[in-house]
Amino acid sequence: MPNIAKVLKEEISRISRHEAKVATAPIRKPTIRLRKDVANLKTRVGTLEKVCKELLSAVSQCQAAQPAPAPEEAEKGWISGKGIRSLRKRLGLSQGEFAKLAGVSDQAVYLWEQKSGMLKLRSETKAAVFAVRGIGAREARKRLAAMAPARAAKKSSKPARRGKARRAGSARWR
């Protein structure tokens, strides 16, 4: 009987294991279910991350294939006839000079200034007007001066009109 202590220890540990098993039995099945759910969610998250990565690469390819959008500045803001007139006056420009800067005809600027309310302009024209809006009087004069030699070269390449010369010298037209 020298091993009574050993036998008692084994019996105590067996009984404690049984009691622990009985105490944890009610939460065992829910714990197993939760572990399976977590494993399934991890798999789904991995799949979704993979799909998200593929979609992001597809979007970036589509964006690279599309032309660059027009500047947001041209999309925002309104242009009115009164605004055109005040901008032109602020820059100290005539209607013709403003028209050259905006890339339109003198008549277009005249008509814009006569209209009340907001103007409906083409996107290119709107962008040009916004570009002119962003410069000062000195810059406007510099741009006009830079445009002048180019326009003079275009005019010199055109043949002279004969009708005006005849009319000026003719007595019939006086």
Protein backbone atom coordinates (compact mmCIF):
# COMPACT_ATOMS: atom_id res chain seq x y z
CA MET A 1 0.00 0.00 0.00
CA PRO A 2 2.78 2.38 -0.43
CA ASN A 3 1.18 3.87 -3.60
CA ILE A 4 -1.97 5.19 -1.90
CA ALA A 5 -0.90 8.78 -2.52
CA LYS A 6 -0.41 8.05 -6.20
CA VAL A 7 -3.80 6.34 -6.50
CA LEU A 8 -5.52 9.22 -4.71
CA LYS A 9 -3.92 11.77 -7.05
CA GLU A 10 -5.05 9.80 -10.10
CA GLU A 11 -8.60 9.52 -8.77
CA ILE A 12 -8.75 13.21 -7.91
CA SER A 13 -7.52 14.20 -11.38
CA ARG A 14 -10.00 11.80 -13.04
CA ILE A 15 -12.91 13.22 -11.05
CA SER A 16 -11.81 16.83 -11.74
CA ARG A 17 -11.55 16.11 -15.49
CA HIS A 18 -15.05 14.63 -15.41
CA GLU A 19 -16.43 17.64 -13.52
CA ALA A 20 -14.73 20.07 -15.92
CA LYS A 21 -16.16 18.16 -18.87
CA VAL A 22 -19.65 18.28 -17.39
CA ALA A 23 -19.29 22.02 -16.65
CA THR A 24 -18.12 22.87 -20.20
CA ALA A 25 -20.51 20.55 -22.06
CA PRO A 26 -23.26 23.20 -22.56
CA ILE A 27 -20.88 25.63 -24.32
CA ARG A 28 -18.99 23.04 -26.35
CA LYS A 29 -21.37 22.84 -29.31
CA PRO A 30 -21.82 26.63 -29.65
CA THR A 31 -18.04 27.06 -29.48
CA ILE A 32 -17.51 24.53 -32.26
CA ARG A 33 -20.21 26.24 -34.33
CA LEU A 34 -18.59 29.65 -33.77
CA ARG A 35 -15.19 28.33 -34.84
CA LYS A 36 -16.70 26.95 -38.06
CA ASP A 37 -18.45 30.29 -38.68
CA VAL A 38 -15.20 32.20 -38.15
CA ALA A 39 -13.39 29.89 -40.57
CA ASN A 40 -16.16 30.39 -43.19
CA LEU A 41 -16.06 34.18 -42.70
CA LYS A 42 -12.28 34.21 -43.11
CA THR A 43 -12.68 32.34 -46.39
CA ARG A 44 -15.38 34.77 -47.59
CA VAL A 45 -13.30 37.80 -46.61
CA GLY A 46 -10.34 36.39 -48.53
CA THR A 47 -12.54 35.86 -51.59
CA LEU A 48 -14.03 39.34 -51.33
CA GLU A 49 -10.57 40.92 -50.98
CA LYS A 50 -9.47 39.09 -54.10
CA VAL A 51 -12.54 40.28 -56.05
CA CYS A 52 -12.05 43.83 -54.74
CA LYS A 53 -8.43 43.81 -55.90
CA GLU A 54 -9.50 42.60 -59.36
CA LEU A 55 -12.19 45.30 -59.58
CA LEU A 56 -9.74 48.01 -58.54
CA SER A 57 -7.31 46.94 -61.24
CA ALA A 58 -10.14 46.90 -63.81
CA VAL A 59 -11.24 50.39 -62.75
CA SER A 60 -7.69 51.72 -62.98
CA GLN A 61 -7.38 50.23 -66.49
CA CYS A 62 -10.67 51.86 -67.52
CA GLN A 63 -9.55 55.20 -66.11
CA ALA A 64 -6.26 54.95 -67.96
CA ALA A 65 -8.12 54.20 -71.20
CA GLN A 66 -10.51 57.14 -70.83
CA PRO A 67 -9.42 60.62 -71.81
CA ALA A 68 -8.70 63.01 -68.97
CA PRO A 69 -11.87 64.76 -67.83
CA ALA A 70 -12.21 68.48 -68.39
CA PRO A 71 -10.95 70.56 -65.53
CA GLU A 72 -13.46 70.76 -62.72
CA GLU A 73 -13.14 74.51 -62.74
CA ALA A 74 -14.88 74.63 -66.12
CA GLU A 75 -17.73 72.54 -64.75
CA LYS A 76 -18.24 74.72 -61.73
CA GLY A 77 -19.39 78.27 -61.87
CA TRP A 78 -21.75 80.26 -63.99
CA ILE A 79 -21.11 82.79 -66.64
CA SER A 80 -23.52 85.65 -67.18
CA GLY A 81 -23.51 88.53 -69.61
CA LYS A 82 -23.02 90.93 -66.74
CA GLY A 83 -20.09 88.83 -65.52
CA ILE A 84 -18.48 88.86 -68.98
CA ARG A 85 -18.82 92.64 -69.14
CA SER A 86 -17.37 93.17 -65.65
CA LEU A 87 -14.49 90.76 -66.36
CA ARG A 88 -13.71 92.55 -69.61
CA LYS A 89 -13.80 95.95 -67.87
CA ARG A 90 -11.64 94.68 -65.00
CA LEU A 91 -9.01 93.49 -67.49
CA GLY A 92 -9.30 96.75 -69.43
CA LEU A 93 -10.06 94.99 -72.72
CA SER A 94 -12.26 95.86 -75.64
CA GLN A 95 -14.82 93.33 -76.86
CA GLY A 96 -12.52 92.42 -79.75
CA GLU A 97 -9.53 91.85 -77.48
CA PHE A 98 -11.58 89.77 -75.07
CA ALA A 99 -12.89 87.77 -78.04
CA LYS A 100 -9.32 87.03 -79.17
CA LEU A 101 -8.38 85.80 -75.70
CA ALA A 102 -11.48 83.61 -75.45
CA GLY A 103 -11.10 82.33 -79.01
CA VAL A 104 -14.50 83.57 -80.18
CA SER A 105 -15.78 86.31 -82.49
CA ASP A 106 -16.36 89.94 -81.50
CA GLN A 107 -20.04 89.45 -82.21
CA ALA A 108 -20.23 86.55 -79.73
CA VAL A 109 -18.87 88.74 -76.94
CA TYR A 110 -21.32 91.49 -77.89
CA LEU A 111 -24.25 89.05 -77.79
CA TRP A 112 -23.11 87.57 -74.47
CA GLU A 113 -23.02 91.00 -72.87
CA GLN A 114 -26.52 91.81 -74.15
CA LYS A 115 -28.09 88.67 -72.68
CA SER A 116 -29.46 88.66 -69.16
CA GLY A 117 -29.10 85.66 -66.91
CA MET A 118 -26.77 82.72 -67.21
CA LEU A 119 -25.17 81.93 -70.55
CA LYS A 120 -25.20 78.48 -72.10
CA LEU A 121 -21.79 77.99 -73.66
CA ARG A 122 -19.95 75.08 -75.22
CA SER A 123 -17.51 73.36 -72.90
CA GLU A 124 -14.46 74.59 -74.85
CA THR A 125 -15.72 78.17 -74.81
CA LYS A 126 -16.62 77.92 -71.15
CA ALA A 127 -13.14 76.63 -70.34
CA ALA A 128 -11.57 79.48 -72.34
CA VAL A 129 -13.63 82.08 -70.49
CA PHE A 130 -12.69 80.54 -67.15
CA ALA A 131 -9.04 80.63 -68.24
CA VAL A 132 -9.38 84.33 -69.02
CA ARG A 133 -11.10 84.82 -65.67
CA GLY A 134 -8.02 83.43 -63.94
CA ILE A 135 -5.56 85.99 -65.34
CA GLY A 136 -4.84 89.63 -64.61
CA ALA A 137 -4.70 92.68 -66.86
CA ARG A 138 -0.92 92.41 -67.44
CA GLU A 139 -1.13 88.76 -68.36
CA ALA A 140 -4.03 89.49 -70.71
CA ARG A 141 -1.95 92.16 -72.49
CA LYS A 142 1.01 89.75 -72.76
CA ARG A 143 -1.18 87.07 -74.31
CA LEU A 144 -2.68 89.52 -76.78
CA ALA A 145 0.80 90.72 -77.73
CA ALA A 146 1.89 87.12 -78.28
CA MET A 147 -1.15 86.51 -80.49
CA ALA A 148 -0.57 89.62 -82.61
CA PRO A 149 2.48 88.35 -84.60
CA ALA A 150 0.73 85.08 -85.34
CA ARG A 151 -2.36 86.91 -86.64
CA ALA A 152 -0.23 89.34 -88.68
CA ALA A 153 1.49 86.40 -90.40
CA LYS A 154 -1.89 84.88 -91.26
CA LYS A 155 -3.18 88.17 -92.69
CA SER A 156 -0.09 88.77 -94.85
CA SER A 157 -0.48 85.37 -96.53
CA LYS A 158 -4.00 86.24 -97.77
CA PRO A 159 -4.34 87.99 -101.15
CA ALA A 160 -5.60 91.58 -101.04
CA ARG A 161 -9.24 92.14 -101.92
CA ARG A 162 -9.72 94.10 -105.11
CA GLY A 163 -13.27 95.23 -104.43
CA LYS A 164 -12.38 97.75 -101.75
CA ALA A 165 -9.56 99.27 -103.79
CA ARG A 166 -11.85 99.85 -106.76
CA ARG A 167 -14.59 101.28 -104.62
CA ALA A 168 -12.25 103.69 -102.84
CA GLY A 169 -11.03 105.18 -106.10
CA SER A 170 -14.31 105.10 -107.96
CA ALA A 171 -16.47 108.22 -108.09
CA ARG A 172 -19.57 106.11 -108.22
CA TRP A 173 -19.23 104.96 -104.59
CA ARG A 174 -18.56 108.40 -103.07
